[in-house]
């Protein structure tokens, strides 16, 4: 067994769940086991980007002891577009 965390921040709500899972568990399986989607009933997190410690990974990524699975909320603005808007305001 390995100890992991599954974390999700959506709309200023933070949920972190600690789990003991079998060695070789994937990101997708860890999310299902955590039942974290129940904490966000009005959100569809299935299509969200997922990763481990800030690095986006495929859902079939094998987890190791101490890993933290992260479910990322979509960006509100494209960073390039936000920069263009700031530059336009300064002119």
N, C-alpha and C. Protein backbone atom coordinates (compact mmCIF):
# COMPACT_ATOMS: atom_id res chain seq x y z
N UNK A 1 0.85 -1.19 0.00
CA UNK A 1 0.00 0.00 0.00
C UNK A 1 0.89 1.25 0.00
N UNK A 2 0.41 2.28 -0.69
CA UNK A 2 1.10 3.57 -0.71
C UNK A 2 0.14 4.66 -0.25
N UNK A 3 0.70 5.68 0.35
CA UNK A 3 -0.08 6.81 0.84
C UNK A 3 -0.03 7.92 -0.20
N UNK A 4 -1.20 8.42 -0.60
CA UNK A 4 -1.29 9.50 -1.58
C UNK A 4 -2.33 10.52 -1.13
N UNK A 5 -2.39 11.63 -1.85
CA UNK A 5 -3.44 12.62 -1.65
C UNK A 5 -4.07 12.92 -3.00
N UNK A 6 -5.35 13.27 -2.99
CA UNK A 6 -6.05 13.75 -4.17
C UNK A 6 -6.56 15.14 -3.81
N UNK A 7 -6.18 16.13 -4.61
CA UNK A 7 -6.52 17.52 -4.30
C UNK A 7 -7.23 18.17 -5.48
N UNK A 8 -8.21 19.02 -5.15
CA UNK A 8 -8.94 19.75 -6.19
C UNK A 8 -9.33 21.12 -5.63
N UNK A 9 -9.11 22.15 -6.43
CA UNK A 9 -9.54 23.50 -6.07
C UNK A 9 -10.41 24.00 -7.22
N UNK A 10 -11.66 24.25 -6.94
CA UNK A 10 -12.58 24.79 -7.92
C UNK A 10 -13.43 25.86 -7.26
N UNK A 11 -13.52 27.00 -7.93
CA UNK A 11 -14.36 28.10 -7.43
C UNK A 11 -14.08 28.42 -5.97
N UNK A 12 -12.81 28.51 -5.63
CA UNK A 12 -12.35 28.86 -4.29
C UNK A 12 -12.64 27.81 -3.23
N UNK A 13 -13.10 26.64 -3.61
CA UNK A 13 -13.32 25.54 -2.68
C UNK A 13 -12.14 24.58 -2.80
N UNK A 14 -11.53 24.25 -1.67
CA UNK A 14 -10.36 23.38 -1.65
C UNK A 14 -10.73 22.07 -0.96
N UNK A 15 -10.45 20.96 -1.63
CA UNK A 15 -10.68 19.64 -1.04
C UNK A 15 -9.42 18.81 -1.24
N UNK A 16 -8.92 18.25 -0.15
CA UNK A 16 -7.77 17.35 -0.20
C UNK A 16 -8.14 16.08 0.55
N UNK A 17 -7.97 14.95 -0.11
CA UNK A 17 -8.31 13.67 0.51
C UNK A 17 -7.06 12.80 0.56
N UNK A 18 -6.81 12.20 1.72
CA UNK A 18 -5.69 11.28 1.89
C UNK A 18 -6.19 9.86 1.73
N UNK A 19 -5.42 9.05 1.00
CA UNK A 19 -5.83 7.68 0.73
C UNK A 19 -4.66 6.72 0.87
N UNK A 20 -4.97 5.51 1.20
CA UNK A 20 -4.02 4.40 1.09
C UNK A 20 -4.51 3.55 -0.07
N UNK A 21 -3.67 3.41 -1.09
CA UNK A 21 -4.05 2.65 -2.28
C UNK A 21 -2.99 1.61 -2.58
N UNK A 22 -3.35 0.65 -3.41
CA UNK A 22 -2.40 -0.38 -3.79
C UNK A 22 -1.31 0.21 -4.66
N UNK A 23 -0.12 -0.32 -4.55
CA UNK A 23 0.98 0.09 -5.40
C UNK A 23 0.57 -0.17 -6.86
N UNK A 24 0.86 0.76 -7.74
CA UNK A 24 0.48 0.62 -9.14
C UNK A 24 -0.85 1.23 -9.48
N UNK A 25 -1.46 1.95 -8.54
CA UNK A 25 -2.72 2.64 -8.81
C UNK A 25 -2.48 3.81 -9.75
N UNK A 26 -3.40 4.00 -10.69
CA UNK A 26 -3.29 5.11 -11.63
C UNK A 26 -3.97 6.36 -11.09
N UNK A 27 -3.69 7.48 -11.74
CA UNK A 27 -4.35 8.74 -11.37
C UNK A 27 -5.86 8.58 -11.47
N UNK A 28 -6.33 8.00 -12.56
CA UNK A 28 -7.78 7.85 -12.76
C UNK A 28 -8.40 7.01 -11.64
N UNK A 29 -7.77 5.92 -11.28
CA UNK A 29 -8.30 5.04 -10.24
C UNK A 29 -8.29 5.75 -8.88
N UNK A 30 -7.24 6.51 -8.60
CA UNK A 30 -7.16 7.25 -7.33
C UNK A 30 -8.29 8.26 -7.22
N UNK A 31 -8.62 8.93 -8.31
CA UNK A 31 -9.70 9.92 -8.29
C UNK A 31 -11.02 9.23 -8.00
N UNK A 32 -11.25 8.09 -8.64
CA UNK A 32 -12.48 7.34 -8.39
C UNK A 32 -12.55 6.88 -6.94
N UNK A 33 -11.44 6.34 -6.43
CA UNK A 33 -11.42 5.86 -5.04
C UNK A 33 -11.63 6.98 -4.03
N UNK A 34 -11.15 8.17 -4.35
CA UNK A 34 -11.29 9.30 -3.42
C UNK A 34 -12.71 9.83 -3.34
N UNK A 35 -13.50 9.56 -4.38
CA UNK A 35 -14.87 10.07 -4.47
C UNK A 35 -14.92 11.60 -4.37
N UNK A 36 -13.89 12.25 -4.86
CA UNK A 36 -13.79 13.70 -4.75
C UNK A 36 -14.86 14.42 -5.57
N UNK A 37 -15.37 13.76 -6.61
CA UNK A 37 -16.41 14.40 -7.43
C UNK A 37 -17.67 14.69 -6.62
N UNK A 38 -17.89 13.96 -5.53
CA UNK A 38 -19.05 14.22 -4.67
C UNK A 38 -18.94 15.56 -3.95
N UNK A 39 -17.72 16.05 -3.79
CA UNK A 39 -17.51 17.34 -3.14
C UNK A 39 -17.76 18.51 -4.09
N UNK A 40 -17.90 18.22 -5.39
CA UNK A 40 -18.15 19.24 -6.39
C UNK A 40 -19.34 18.79 -7.25
N UNK A 41 -20.54 18.73 -6.66
CA UNK A 41 -21.68 18.17 -7.38
C UNK A 41 -22.11 18.95 -8.62
N UNK A 42 -21.82 20.23 -8.67
CA UNK A 42 -22.24 21.05 -9.81
C UNK A 42 -21.14 21.23 -10.84
N UNK A 43 -20.04 20.53 -10.69
CA UNK A 43 -18.90 20.66 -11.59
C UNK A 43 -18.60 19.31 -12.25
N UNK A 44 -18.18 19.36 -13.50
CA UNK A 44 -17.74 18.16 -14.19
C UNK A 44 -16.23 18.16 -14.22
N UNK A 45 -15.61 17.38 -13.34
CA UNK A 45 -14.15 17.36 -13.27
C UNK A 45 -13.54 16.29 -14.17
N UNK A 46 -14.37 15.53 -14.87
CA UNK A 46 -13.85 14.44 -15.68
C UNK A 46 -12.94 14.94 -16.81
N UNK A 47 -13.24 16.09 -17.36
CA UNK A 47 -12.44 16.62 -18.46
C UNK A 47 -11.31 17.54 -18.03
N UNK A 48 -11.18 17.77 -16.74
CA UNK A 48 -10.15 18.69 -16.24
C UNK A 48 -8.77 18.08 -16.39
N UNK A 49 -7.77 18.94 -16.52
CA UNK A 49 -6.39 18.47 -16.56
C UNK A 49 -6.03 17.92 -15.18
N UNK A 50 -5.18 16.91 -15.19
CA UNK A 50 -4.77 16.27 -13.94
C UNK A 50 -3.26 16.11 -13.93
N UNK A 51 -2.69 16.10 -12.74
CA UNK A 51 -1.25 15.96 -12.65
C UNK A 51 -0.80 15.51 -11.29
N UNK A 52 0.51 15.47 -11.13
CA UNK A 52 1.14 15.10 -9.87
C UNK A 52 2.15 16.19 -9.54
N UNK A 53 1.98 16.84 -8.41
CA UNK A 53 2.87 17.90 -7.94
C UNK A 53 3.15 18.95 -9.02
N UNK A 54 2.09 19.43 -9.68
CA UNK A 54 2.22 20.53 -10.62
C UNK A 54 2.64 20.15 -12.03
N UNK A 55 2.82 18.88 -12.30
CA UNK A 55 3.20 18.42 -13.63
C UNK A 55 2.03 17.64 -14.21
N UNK A 56 1.49 18.10 -15.33
CA UNK A 56 0.35 17.43 -15.94
C UNK A 56 0.76 16.04 -16.40
N UNK A 57 -0.07 15.07 -16.05
CA UNK A 57 0.20 13.67 -16.40
C UNK A 57 -1.06 13.05 -17.00
N UNK A 58 -0.86 11.97 -17.76
CA UNK A 58 -1.99 11.20 -18.27
C UNK A 58 -2.67 10.49 -17.11
N UNK A 59 -3.95 10.16 -17.30
CA UNK A 59 -4.70 9.50 -16.24
C UNK A 59 -4.19 8.09 -15.95
N UNK A 60 -3.39 7.52 -16.84
CA UNK A 60 -2.86 6.18 -16.60
C UNK A 60 -1.48 6.21 -15.93
N UNK A 61 -1.07 7.39 -15.46
CA UNK A 61 0.20 7.55 -14.75
C UNK A 61 0.15 6.74 -13.45
N UNK A 62 1.18 5.96 -13.18
CA UNK A 62 1.24 5.15 -11.96
C UNK A 62 1.76 5.97 -10.80
N UNK A 63 1.03 5.92 -9.71
CA UNK A 63 1.36 6.73 -8.53
C UNK A 63 2.37 6.01 -7.64
N UNK A 64 3.15 6.81 -6.94
CA UNK A 64 4.12 6.30 -5.98
C UNK A 64 3.78 6.85 -4.60
N UNK A 65 4.39 6.26 -3.59
CA UNK A 65 4.14 6.68 -2.21
C UNK A 65 4.45 8.17 -2.05
N UNK A 66 3.52 8.90 -1.46
CA UNK A 66 3.69 10.31 -1.19
C UNK A 66 3.22 11.24 -2.30
N UNK A 67 2.77 10.70 -3.43
CA UNK A 67 2.30 11.54 -4.53
C UNK A 67 1.03 12.29 -4.16
N UNK A 68 0.87 13.47 -4.76
CA UNK A 68 -0.36 14.23 -4.62
C UNK A 68 -0.96 14.42 -6.01
N UNK A 69 -2.11 13.80 -6.24
CA UNK A 69 -2.84 13.96 -7.50
C UNK A 69 -3.56 15.30 -7.43
N UNK A 70 -3.42 16.08 -8.49
CA UNK A 70 -4.06 17.39 -8.52
C UNK A 70 -5.01 17.47 -9.71
N UNK A 71 -6.19 18.00 -9.47
CA UNK A 71 -7.18 18.22 -10.52
C UNK A 71 -7.24 19.73 -10.71
N UNK A 72 -6.91 20.17 -11.92
CA UNK A 72 -6.75 21.60 -12.19
C UNK A 72 -8.02 22.20 -12.78
N UNK A 73 -8.37 23.38 -12.28
CA UNK A 73 -9.52 24.08 -12.86
C UNK A 73 -9.07 24.74 -14.14
N UNK A 74 -9.99 24.90 -15.09
CA UNK A 74 -9.60 25.53 -16.36
C UNK A 74 -9.24 27.00 -16.14
N UNK A 75 -8.37 27.50 -17.00
CA UNK A 75 -8.00 28.91 -16.93
C UNK A 75 -9.19 29.78 -17.31
N UNK A 76 -9.34 30.90 -16.62
CA UNK A 76 -10.44 31.81 -16.93
C UNK A 76 -10.11 32.63 -18.17
N UNK A 77 -8.84 32.93 -18.35
CA UNK A 77 -8.37 33.67 -19.52
C UNK A 77 -7.13 32.98 -20.07
N UNK A 78 -7.00 33.02 -21.36
CA UNK A 78 -5.77 32.57 -21.99
C UNK A 78 -4.68 33.55 -21.55
N UNK A 79 -3.55 33.07 -21.02
CA UNK A 79 -2.51 33.99 -20.53
C UNK A 79 -2.04 34.99 -21.60
N UNK A 80 -1.99 34.57 -22.85
CA UNK A 80 -1.59 35.49 -23.92
C UNK A 80 -2.62 36.59 -24.10
N UNK A 81 -3.89 36.23 -24.04
CA UNK A 81 -4.95 37.22 -24.19
C UNK A 81 -4.95 38.20 -23.01
N UNK A 82 -4.73 37.69 -21.80
CA UNK A 82 -4.67 38.55 -20.62
C UNK A 82 -3.52 39.56 -20.75
N UNK A 83 -2.38 39.12 -21.28
CA UNK A 83 -1.25 40.03 -21.47
C UNK A 83 -1.59 41.11 -22.51
N UNK A 84 -2.25 40.72 -23.59
CA UNK A 84 -2.66 41.70 -24.60
C UNK A 84 -3.59 42.75 -24.00
N UNK A 85 -4.50 42.32 -23.16
CA UNK A 85 -5.44 43.26 -22.54
C UNK A 85 -4.72 44.23 -21.62
N UNK A 86 -3.76 43.71 -20.83
CA UNK A 86 -2.99 44.60 -19.95
C UNK A 86 -2.18 45.61 -20.76
N UNK A 87 -1.58 45.15 -21.84
CA UNK A 87 -0.78 46.04 -22.68
C UNK A 87 -1.67 47.11 -23.33
N UNK A 88 -2.87 46.74 -23.75
CA UNK A 88 -3.79 47.70 -24.35
C UNK A 88 -4.22 48.76 -23.35
N UNK A 89 -4.40 48.36 -22.09
CA UNK A 89 -4.80 49.33 -21.04
C UNK A 89 -3.70 50.35 -20.78
N UNK A 90 -2.44 49.93 -20.89
CA UNK A 90 -1.33 50.83 -20.59
C UNK A 90 -1.12 51.88 -21.67
N UNK A 91 -1.64 51.65 -22.86
CA UNK A 91 -1.45 52.62 -23.96
C UNK A 91 -2.35 53.79 -23.85
